[in-house]
């Protein structure tokens, strides 16, 4: 039997698999074992991870960093006091 573990931190996320008494961290498509927790939005697409982090200067108004801080919030993107 195998188990999957997900770590979703403020700045990075990673996934691991525990199987046959051993844990292995899964690499992303770039070969890294951690992925930036960044999400960016464009007109017709959502961009996540490394690509979103690299494009955040060009698309700053539509890029969310530290996604974990805004999960579950009812106001988007900022509340009346200017904070998440």
PDB file of N, CA and C in Angstrom:
ATOM      1  N   UNK A   1       0.842  -1.182   0.000  1.00  0.00           N
ATOM      2  CA  UNK A   1       0.000   0.000   0.000  1.00  0.00           C
ATOM      3  C   UNK A   1       0.882   1.239   0.000  1.00  0.00           C
ATOM      4  N   UNK A   2       0.478   2.239  -0.737  1.00  0.00           N
ATOM      5  CA  UNK A   2       1.242   3.486  -0.835  1.00  0.00           C
ATOM      6  C   UNK A   2       0.436   4.630  -0.234  1.00  0.00           C
ATOM      7  N   UNK A   3       1.139   5.656   0.210  1.00  0.00           N
ATOM      8  CA  UNK A   3       0.508   6.867   0.733  1.00  0.00           C
ATOM      9  C   UNK A   3       1.146   8.071   0.062  1.00  0.00           C
ATOM     10  N   UNK A   4       0.339   9.097  -0.154  1.00  0.00           N
ATOM     11  CA  UNK A   4       0.820  10.327  -0.776  1.00  0.00           C
ATOM     12  C   UNK A   4       0.743  11.442   0.249  1.00  0.00           C
ATOM     13  N   UNK A   5       1.795  12.226   0.341  1.00  0.00           N
ATOM     14  CA  UNK A   5       1.834  13.364   1.249  1.00  0.00           C
ATOM     15  C   UNK A   5       2.046  14.644   0.471  1.00  0.00           C
ATOM     16  N   UNK A   6       1.321  15.686   0.844  1.00  0.00           N
ATOM     17  CA  UNK A   6       1.433  16.982   0.180  1.00  0.00           C
ATOM     18  C   UNK A   6       1.808  18.021   1.221  1.00  0.00           C
ATOM     19  N   UNK A   7       2.854  18.765   0.949  1.00  0.00           N
ATOM     20  CA  UNK A   7       3.245  19.889   1.804  1.00  0.00           C
ATOM     21  C   UNK A   7       2.947  21.162   1.033  1.00  0.00           C
ATOM     22  N   UNK A   8       2.074  21.993   1.577  1.00  0.00           N
ATOM     23  CA  UNK A   8       1.718  23.250   0.933  1.00  0.00           C
ATOM     24  C   UNK A   8       2.111  24.374   1.876  1.00  0.00           C
ATOM     25  N   UNK A   9       3.298  24.917   1.683  1.00  0.00           N
ATOM     26  CA  UNK A   9       3.810  25.976   2.545  1.00  0.00           C
ATOM     27  C   UNK A   9       3.475  27.347   2.009  1.00  0.00           C
ATOM     28  N   UNK A  10       3.978  28.372   2.695  1.00  0.00           N
ATOM     29  CA  UNK A  10       3.723  29.746   2.267  1.00  0.00           C
ATOM     30  C   UNK A  10       4.422  30.074   0.952  1.00  0.00           C
ATOM     31  N   UNK A  11       5.604  29.545   0.741  1.00  0.00           N
ATOM     32  CA  UNK A  11       6.363  29.910  -0.457  1.00  0.00           C
ATOM     33  C   UNK A  11       6.553  28.757  -1.433  1.00  0.00           C
ATOM     34  N   UNK A  12       6.493  27.532  -0.967  1.00  0.00           N
ATOM     35  CA  UNK A  12       6.726  26.376  -1.839  1.00  0.00           C
ATOM     36  C   UNK A  12       5.788  25.229  -1.485  1.00  0.00           C
ATOM     37  N   UNK A  13       5.672  24.298  -2.423  1.00  0.00           N
ATOM     38  CA  UNK A  13       4.872  23.100  -2.210  1.00  0.00           C
ATOM     39  C   UNK A  13       5.646  21.896  -2.734  1.00  0.00           C
ATOM     40  N   UNK A  14       5.368  20.723  -2.180  1.00  0.00           N
ATOM     41  CA  UNK A  14       5.988  19.506  -2.688  1.00  0.00           C
ATOM     42  C   UNK A  14       5.082  18.314  -2.391  1.00  0.00           C
ATOM     43  N   UNK A  15       5.328  17.230  -3.114  1.00  0.00           N
ATOM     44  CA  UNK A  15       4.545  16.007  -2.978  1.00  0.00           C
ATOM     45  C   UNK A  15       5.514  14.850  -2.767  1.00  0.00           C
ATOM     46  N   UNK A  16       5.158  13.939  -1.868  1.00  0.00           N
ATOM     47  CA  UNK A  16       5.989  12.756  -1.664  1.00  0.00           C
ATOM     48  C   UNK A  16       5.109  11.511  -1.661  1.00  0.00           C
ATOM     49  N   UNK A  17       5.745  10.396  -1.961  1.00  0.00           N
ATOM     50  CA  UNK A  17       5.065   9.104  -1.967  1.00  0.00           C
ATOM     51  C   UNK A  17       5.797   8.176  -1.009  1.00  0.00           C
ATOM     52  N   UNK A  18       5.045   7.548  -0.110  1.00  0.00           N
ATOM     53  CA  UNK A  18       5.599   6.571   0.819  1.00  0.00           C
ATOM     54  C   UNK A  18       5.159   5.195   0.352  1.00  0.00           C
ATOM     55  N   UNK A  19       6.130   4.382  -0.035  1.00  0.00           N
ATOM     56  CA  UNK A  19       5.822   3.050  -0.550  1.00  0.00           C
ATOM     57  C   UNK A  19       6.973   2.107  -0.211  1.00  0.00           C
ATOM     58  N   UNK A  20       6.650   0.921   0.185  1.00  0.00           N
ATOM     59  CA  UNK A  20       7.639  -0.103   0.526  1.00  0.00           C
ATOM     60  C   UNK A  20       8.622   0.375   1.589  1.00  0.00           C
ATOM     61  N   UNK A  21       8.120   1.103   2.585  1.00  0.00           N
ATOM     62  CA  UNK A  21       8.949   1.556   3.692  1.00  0.00           C
ATOM     63  C   UNK A  21       9.881   2.707   3.366  1.00  0.00           C
ATOM     64  N   UNK A  22       9.636   3.386   2.274  1.00  0.00           N
ATOM     65  CA  UNK A  22      10.540   4.450   1.855  1.00  0.00           C
ATOM     66  C   UNK A  22       9.740   5.628   1.286  1.00  0.00           C
ATOM     67  N   UNK A  23      10.170   6.849   1.601  1.00  0.00           N
ATOM     68  CA  UNK A  23       9.513   8.071   1.103  1.00  0.00           C
ATOM     69  C   UNK A  23      10.359   8.687  -0.002  1.00  0.00           C
ATOM     70  N   UNK A  24       9.711   9.034  -1.103  1.00  0.00           N
ATOM     71  CA  UNK A  24      10.380   9.703  -2.217  1.00  0.00           C
ATOM     72  C   UNK A  24       9.628  10.983  -2.542  1.00  0.00           C
ATOM     73  N   UNK A  25      10.368  12.091  -2.661  1.00  0.00           N
ATOM     74  CA  UNK A  25       9.762  13.359  -3.047  1.00  0.00           C
ATOM     75  C   UNK A  25       9.684  13.400  -4.572  1.00  0.00           C
ATOM     76  N   UNK A  26       8.529  13.745  -5.087  1.00  0.00           N
ATOM     77  CA  UNK A  26       8.277  13.762  -6.521  1.00  0.00           C
ATOM     78  C   UNK A  26       8.825  15.056  -7.126  1.00  0.00           C
ATOM     79  N   UNK A  27       9.571  14.924  -8.204  1.00  0.00           N
ATOM     80  CA  UNK A  27      10.109  16.101  -8.896  1.00  0.00           C
ATOM     81  C   UNK A  27       9.047  16.667  -9.843  1.00  0.00           C
ATOM     82  N   UNK A  28       9.080  17.990 -10.034  1.00  0.00           N
ATOM     83  CA  UNK A  28       8.155  18.614 -10.988  1.00  0.00           C
ATOM     84  C   UNK A  28       8.718  18.494 -12.401  1.00  0.00           C
ATOM     85  N   UNK A  29       8.071  19.115 -13.364  1.00  0.00           N
ATOM     86  CA  UNK A  29       8.505  18.968 -14.753  1.00  0.00           C
ATOM     87  C   UNK A  29       9.863  19.605 -15.035  1.00  0.00           C
ATOM     88  N   UNK A  30      10.333  20.494 -14.142  1.00  0.00           N
ATOM     89  CA  UNK A  30      11.661  21.099 -14.288  1.00  0.00           C
ATOM     90  C   UNK A  30      12.731  20.288 -13.564  1.00  0.00           C
ATOM     91  N   UNK A  31      12.322  19.220 -12.870  1.00  0.00           N
ATOM     92  CA  UNK A  31      13.259  18.376 -12.140  1.00  0.00           C
ATOM     93  C   UNK A  31      13.495  18.811 -10.700  1.00  0.00           C
ATOM     94  N   UNK A  32      12.836  19.883 -10.263  1.00  0.00           N
ATOM     95  CA  UNK A  32      12.972  20.364  -8.887  1.00  0.00           C
ATOM     96  C   UNK A  32      12.032  19.590  -7.972  1.00  0.00           C
ATOM     97  N   UNK A  33      12.418  19.440  -6.735  1.00  0.00           N
ATOM     98  CA  UNK A  33      11.593  18.711  -5.778  1.00  0.00           C
ATOM     99  C   UNK A  33      10.651  19.620  -5.003  1.00  0.00           C
ATOM    100  N   UNK A  34      10.793  20.919  -5.157  1.00  0.00           N
ATOM    101  CA  UNK A  34       9.846  21.878  -4.595  1.00  0.00           C
ATOM    102  C   UNK A  34       9.375  22.798  -5.722  1.00  0.00           C
ATOM    103  N   UNK A  35       8.132  23.251  -5.615  1.00  0.00           N
ATOM    104  CA  UNK A  35       7.538  24.123  -6.620  1.00  0.00           C
ATOM    105  C   UNK A  35       7.069  25.398  -5.938  1.00  0.00           C
ATOM    106  N   UNK A  36       7.379  26.560  -6.497  1.00  0.00           N
ATOM    107  CA  UNK A  36       6.920  27.818  -5.890  1.00  0.00           C
ATOM    108  C   UNK A  36       5.392  27.861  -5.780  1.00  0.00           C
ATOM    109  N   UNK A  37       4.901  28.350  -4.640  1.00  0.00           N
ATOM    110  CA  UNK A  37       3.456  28.483  -4.424  1.00  0.00           C
ATOM    111  C   UNK A  37       3.020  29.847  -4.952  1.00  0.00           C
ATOM    112  N   UNK A  38       2.997  29.954  -6.266  1.00  0.00           N
ATOM    113  CA  UNK A  38       2.643  31.195  -6.950  1.00  0.00           C
ATOM    114  C   UNK A  38       1.615  30.858  -8.022  1.00  0.00           C
ATOM    115  N   UNK A  39       0.578  31.698  -8.129  1.00  0.00           N
ATOM    116  CA  UNK A  39      -0.454  31.517  -9.141  1.00  0.00           C
ATOM    117  C   UNK A  39      -0.632  32.835  -9.875  1.00  0.00           C
ATOM    118  N   UNK A  40      -0.675  32.774 -11.209  1.00  0.00           N
ATOM    119  CA  UNK A  40      -0.900  33.965 -12.022  1.00  0.00           C
ATOM    120  C   UNK A  40      -2.084  33.712 -12.954  1.00  0.00           C
ATOM    121  N   UNK A  41      -2.795  34.768 -13.256  1.00  0.00           N
ATOM    122  CA  UNK A  41      -3.963  34.668 -14.133  1.00  0.00           C
ATOM    123  C   UNK A  41      -3.768  35.557 -15.344  1.00  0.00           C
ATOM    124  N   UNK A  42      -4.150  35.047 -16.489  1.00  0.00           N
ATOM    125  CA  UNK A  42      -4.196  35.820 -17.730  1.00  0.00           C
ATOM    126  C   UNK A  42      -5.607  35.709 -18.278  1.00  0.00           C
ATOM    127  N   UNK A  43      -5.850  36.308 -19.412  1.00  0.00           N
ATOM    128  CA  UNK A  43      -7.207  36.325 -19.972  1.00  0.00           C
ATOM    129  C   UNK A  43      -7.817  34.934 -20.101  1.00  0.00           C
ATOM    130  N   UNK A  44      -7.057  33.989 -20.595  1.00  0.00           N
ATOM    131  CA  UNK A  44      -7.629  32.666 -20.870  1.00  0.00           C
ATOM    132  C   UNK A  44      -6.919  31.521 -20.158  1.00  0.00           C
ATOM    133  N   UNK A  45      -5.994  31.812 -19.246  1.00  0.00           N
ATOM    134  CA  UNK A  45      -5.261  30.719 -18.615  1.00  0.00           C
ATOM    135  C   UNK A  45      -4.844  31.052 -17.192  1.00  0.00           C
ATOM    136  N   UNK A  46      -4.549  30.007 -16.446  1.00  0.00           N
ATOM    137  CA  UNK A  46      -3.981  30.123 -15.112  1.00  0.00           C
ATOM    138  C   UNK A  46      -2.582  29.519 -15.177  1.00  0.00           C
ATOM    139  N   UNK A  47      -1.632  30.216 -14.575  1.00  0.00           N
ATOM    140  CA  UNK A  47      -0.242  29.772 -14.600  1.00  0.00           C
ATOM    141  C   UNK A  47       0.178  29.516 -13.159  1.00  0.00           C
ATOM    142  N   UNK A  48       0.865  28.404 -12.915  1.00  0.00           N
ATOM    143  CA  UNK A  48       1.273  28.059 -11.555  1.00  0.00           C
ATOM    144  C   UNK A  48       2.759  27.739 -11.504  1.00  0.00           C
ATOM    145  N   UNK A  49       3.312  27.804 -10.312  1.00  0.00           N
ATOM    146  CA  UNK A  49       4.680  27.358 -10.074  1.00  0.00           C
ATOM    147  C   UNK A  49       5.753  28.254 -10.647  1.00  0.00           C
ATOM    148  N   UNK A  50       6.755  27.639 -11.232  1.00  0.00           N
ATOM    149  CA  UNK A  50       7.937  28.346 -11.727  1.00  0.00           C
ATOM    150  C   UNK A  50       7.578  29.378 -12.777  1.00  0.00           C
ATOM    151  N   UNK A  51       6.719  29.029 -13.722  1.00  0.00           N
ATOM    152  CA  UNK A  51       6.340  29.961 -14.783  1.00  0.00           C
ATOM    153  C   UNK A  51       5.645  31.194 -14.213  1.00  0.00           C
ATOM    154  N   UNK A  52       4.793  31.019 -13.223  1.00  0.00           N
ATOM    155  CA  UNK A  52       4.117  32.152 -12.596  1.00  0.00           C
ATOM    156  C   UNK A  52       5.105  33.024 -11.835  1.00  0.00           C
ATOM    157  N   UNK A  53       6.058  32.398 -11.158  1.00  0.00           N
ATOM    158  CA  UNK A  53       7.062  33.152 -10.409  1.00  0.00           C
ATOM    159  C   UNK A  53       7.945  33.960 -11.361  1.00  0.00           C
ATOM    160  N   UNK A  54       8.330  33.379 -12.468  1.00  0.00           N
ATOM    161  CA  UNK A  54       9.176  34.083 -13.426  1.00  0.00           C
ATOM    162  C   UNK A  54       8.440  35.234 -14.098  1.00  0.00           C
ATOM    163  N   UNK A  55       7.128  35.140 -14.259  1.00  0.00           N
ATOM    164  CA  UNK A  55       6.365  36.178 -14.931  1.00  0.00           C
ATOM    165  C   UNK A  55       5.726  37.193 -14.006  1.00  0.00           C
ATOM    166  N   UNK A  56       6.004  37.132 -12.714  1.00  0.00           N
ATOM    167  CA  UNK A  56       5.300  38.010 -11.780  1.00  0.00           C
ATOM    168  C   UNK A  56       5.629  39.488 -11.951  1.00  0.00           C
ATOM    169  N   UNK A  57       6.775  39.826 -12.501  1.00  0.00           N
ATOM    170  CA  UNK A  57       7.099  41.236 -12.735  1.00  0.00           C
ATOM    171  C   UNK A  57       6.251  41.782 -13.877  1.00  0.00           C
ATOM    172  N   UNK A  58       6.110  41.025 -14.944  1.00  0.00           N
ATOM    173  CA  UNK A  58       5.308  41.454 -16.096  1.00  0.00           C
ATOM    174  C   UNK A  58       3.811  41.416 -15.815  1.00  0.00           C
ATOM    175  N   UNK A  59       3.385  40.575 -14.882  1.00  0.00           N
ATOM    176  CA  UNK A  59       1.965  40.373 -14.624  1.00  0.00           C
ATOM    177  C   UNK A  59       1.667  40.517 -13.130  1.00  0.00           C
ATOM    178  N   UNK A  60       2.248  41.534 -12.504  1.00  0.00           N
ATOM    179  CA  UNK A  60       2.169  41.684 -11.047  1.00  0.00           C
ATOM    180  C   UNK A  60       0.738  41.844 -10.536  1.00  0.00           C
ATOM    181  N   UNK A  61      -0.100  42.556 -11.265  1.00  0.00           N
ATOM    182  CA  UNK A  61      -1.466  42.800 -10.802  1.00  0.00           C
ATOM    183  C   UNK A  61      -2.306  41.527 -10.758  1.00  0.00           C
ATOM    184  N   UNK A  62      -1.939  40.527 -11.532  1.00  0.00           N
ATOM    185  CA  UNK A  62      -2.709  39.288 -11.607  1.00  0.00           C
ATOM    186  C   UNK A  62      -1.949  38.079 -11.075  1.00  0.00           C
ATOM    187  N   UNK A  63      -0.951  38.321 -10.235  1.00  0.00           N
ATOM    188  CA  UNK A  63      -0.142  37.236  -9.673  1.00  0.00           C
ATOM    189  C   UNK A  63      -0.300  37.213  -8.160  1.00  0.00           C
ATOM    190  N   UNK A  64      -0.537  36.015  -7.626  1.00  0.00           N
ATOM    191  CA  UNK A  64      -0.706  35.844  -6.187  1.00  0.00           C
ATOM    192  C   UNK A  64       0.479  35.043  -5.658  1.00  0.00           C
ATOM    193  N   UNK A  65       1.237  35.632  -4.745  1.00  0.00           N
ATOM    194  CA  UNK A  65       2.311  34.919  -4.056  1.00  0.00           C
ATOM    195  C   UNK A  65       1.834  34.630  -2.638  1.00  0.00           C
ATOM    196  N   UNK A  66       2.447  33.672  -1.992  1.00  0.00           N
ATOM    197  CA  UNK A  66       2.018  33.259  -0.652  1.00  0.00           C
ATOM    198  C   UNK A  66       0.527  32.921  -0.659  1.00  0.00           C
ATOM    199  N   UNK A  67       0.148  32.057  -1.583  1.00  0.00           N
ATOM    200  CA  UNK A  67      -1.242  31.689  -1.808  1.00  0.00           C
ATOM    201  C   UNK A  67      -1.909  31.188  -0.530  1.00  0.00           C
ATOM    202  N   UNK A  68      -1.164  30.500   0.291  1.00  0.00           N
ATOM    203  CA  UNK A  68      -1.735  29.903   1.500  1.00  0.00           C
ATOM    204  C   UNK A  68      -2.353  30.959   2.418  1.00  0.00           C
ATOM    205  N   UNK A  69      -1.838  32.182   2.381  1.00  0.00           N
ATOM    206  CA  UNK A  69      -2.372  33.237   3.239  1.00  0.00           C
ATOM    207  C   UNK A  69      -3.754  33.702   2.817  1.00  0.00           C
ATOM    208  N   UNK A  70      -4.129  33.501   1.560  1.00  0.00           N
ATOM    209  CA  UNK A  70      -5.426  33.988   1.091  1.00  0.00           C
ATOM    210  C   UNK A  70      -6.451  32.882   0.868  1.00  0.00           C
ATOM    211  N   UNK A  71      -6.082  31.636   1.088  1.00  0.00           N
ATOM    212  CA  UNK A  71      -7.034  30.529   0.932  1.00  0.00           C
ATOM    213  C   UNK A  71      -8.179  30.671   1.933  1.00  0.00           C
ATOM    214  N   UNK A  72      -9.380  30.530   1.476  1.00  0.00           N
ATOM    215  CA  UNK A  72     -10.543  30.571   2.349  1.00  0.00           C
ATOM    216  C   UNK A  72     -11.028  31.962   2.696  1.00  0.00           C
ATOM    217  N   UNK A  73     -10.376  32.991   2.181  1.00  0.00           N
ATOM    218  CA  UNK A  73     -10.816  34.358   2.471  1.00  0.00           C
ATOM    219  C   UNK A  73     -12.056  34.696   1.658  1.00  0.00           C
ATOM    220  N   UNK A  74     -12.957  35.464   2.243  1.00  0.00           N
ATOM    221  CA  UNK A  74     -14.174  35.823   1.524  1.00  0.00           C
ATOM    222  C   UNK A  74     -14.004  37.084   0.690  1.00  0.00           C
ATOM    223  N   UNK A  75     -12.992  37.895   0.974  1.00  0.00           N
ATOM    224  CA  UNK A  75     -12.751  39.093   0.171  1.00  0.00           C
ATOM    225  C   UNK A  75     -11.546  38.864  -0.712  1.00  0.00           C
ATOM    226  N   UNK A  76     -11.622  39.391  -1.894  1.00  0.00           N
ATOM    227  CA  UNK A  76     -10.532  39.175  -2.843  1.00  0.00           C
ATOM    228  C   UNK A  76     -10.285  40.431  -3.624  1.00  0.00           C
ATOM    229  N   UNK A  77      -9.060  40.900  -3.795  1.00  0.00           N
ATOM    230  CA  UNK A  77      -7.872  40.354  -3.180  1.00  0.00           C
ATOM    231  C   UNK A  77      -7.570  40.970  -1.821  1.00  0.00           C
ATOM    232  N   UNK A  78      -8.053  42.188  -1.560  1.00  0.00           N
ATOM    233  CA  UNK A  78      -7.724  42.838  -0.295  1.00  0.00           C
ATOM    234  C   UNK A  78      -8.980  43.214   0.464  1.00  0.00           C
ATOM    235  N   UNK A  79      -8.873  43.266   1.773  1.00  0.00           N
ATOM    236  CA  UNK A  79      -9.987  43.740   2.580  1.00  0.00           C
ATOM    237  C   UNK A  79      -9.951  45.264   2.624  1.00  0.00           C
ATOM    238  N   UNK A  80     -10.866  45.871   3.328  1.00  0.00           N
ATOM    239  CA  UNK A  80     -10.966  47.325   3.359  1.00  0.00           C
ATOM    240  C   UNK A  80      -9.755  47.990   4.020  1.00  0.00           C
ATOM    241  N   UNK A  81      -9.009  47.250   4.838  1.00  0.00           N
ATOM    242  CA  UNK A  81      -7.835  47.835   5.485  1.00  0.00           C
ATOM    243  C   UNK A  81      -6.570  47.610   4.653  1.00  0.00           C
ATOM    244  N   UNK A  82      -6.708  47.060   3.434  1.00  0.00           N
ATOM    245  CA  UNK A  82      -5.557  46.896   2.547  1.00  0.00           C
ATOM    246  C   UNK A  82      -4.717  45.676   2.826  1.00  0.00           C
ATOM    247  N   UNK A  83      -5.227  44.748   3.614  1.00  0.00           N
ATOM    248  CA  UNK A  83      -4.479  43.529   3.933  1.00  0.00           C
ATOM    249  C   UNK A  83      -5.245  42.315   3.445  1.00  0.00           C
ATOM    250  N   UNK A  84      -4.532  41.204   3.351  1.00  0.00           N
ATOM    251  CA  UNK A  84      -5.185  39.951   2.946  1.00  0.00           C
ATOM    252  C   UNK A  84      -6.101  39.461   4.011  1.00  0.00           C
TER     253      UNK A  84
END
